[in-house]
Protein backbone atom coordinates (compact mmCIF):
# COMPACT_ATOMS: atom_id res chain seq x y z
CA UNK A 1 100.00 86.84 94.07
CA UNK A 2 96.76 88.70 94.74
CA UNK A 3 96.79 92.30 95.84
CA UNK A 4 95.30 92.93 99.30
CA UNK A 5 92.74 95.73 99.15
CA UNK A 6 93.68 98.61 101.49
CA UNK A 7 91.00 99.88 103.86
CA UNK A 8 90.66 103.57 104.67
CA UNK A 9 89.69 104.56 108.20
CA UNK A 10 87.29 107.26 107.02
CA UNK A 11 85.07 104.94 104.91
CA UNK A 12 81.36 104.82 105.67
CA UNK A 13 80.21 101.60 107.44
CA UNK A 14 78.81 99.95 104.29
CA UNK A 15 81.96 100.71 102.28
CA UNK A 16 84.08 99.45 105.23
CA UNK A 17 82.14 96.17 105.36
CA UNK A 18 82.46 95.76 101.59
CA UNK A 19 86.22 96.29 101.73
CA UNK A 20 86.57 93.98 104.79
CA UNK A 21 84.77 91.24 102.89
CA UNK A 22 86.83 91.81 99.76
CA UNK A 23 90.01 91.57 101.79
CA UNK A 24 88.83 88.35 103.46
CA UNK A 25 87.98 86.84 100.10
CA UNK A 26 91.39 87.78 98.69
CA UNK A 27 93.14 86.28 101.75
CA UNK A 28 91.05 83.07 101.39
CA UNK A 29 91.98 82.85 97.70
CA UNK A 30 95.74 83.24 98.37
CA UNK A 31 96.01 81.31 101.66
CA UNK A 32 93.05 79.00 101.66
CA UNK A 33 92.30 79.58 105.33
CA UNK A 34 88.69 79.45 106.54
CA UNK A 35 86.52 78.47 109.47
CA UNK A 36 83.22 76.68 109.49
CA UNK A 37 80.38 78.41 111.35
CA UNK A 38 80.68 75.82 114.13
CA UNK A 39 84.40 76.43 114.54
CA UNK A 40 83.90 80.19 114.61
CA UNK A 41 81.05 79.89 117.12
CA UNK A 42 83.18 77.70 119.43
CA UNK A 43 86.11 80.10 119.18
CA UNK A 44 83.93 83.14 119.88
CA UNK A 45 82.32 81.41 122.88
CA UNK A 46 85.79 80.83 124.33
CA UNK A 47 86.67 84.51 123.89
CA UNK A 48 83.38 85.57 125.47
CA UNK A 49 84.26 83.41 128.50
CA UNK A 50 87.55 85.28 128.86
CA UNK A 51 89.78 82.48 127.61
CA UNK A 52 92.88 83.63 125.82
CA UNK A 53 92.69 81.56 122.64
CA UNK A 54 93.99 81.84 119.10
CA UNK A 55 91.78 81.61 116.06
CA UNK A 56 91.63 77.96 114.87
CA UNK A 57 92.80 77.85 111.26
């Protein structure tokens, strides 16, 4: 089982992004969940329109 990298609230923005990406990569490796750019775009458009929708995994 992979260790999820903890993220500190006081990190600078670049470090925060780096840790967020590391955590996403670790989650992908352990769970295999991902979205295509088209799926993410469609989901975000629904959220922007005020629709209450869950992320399509």
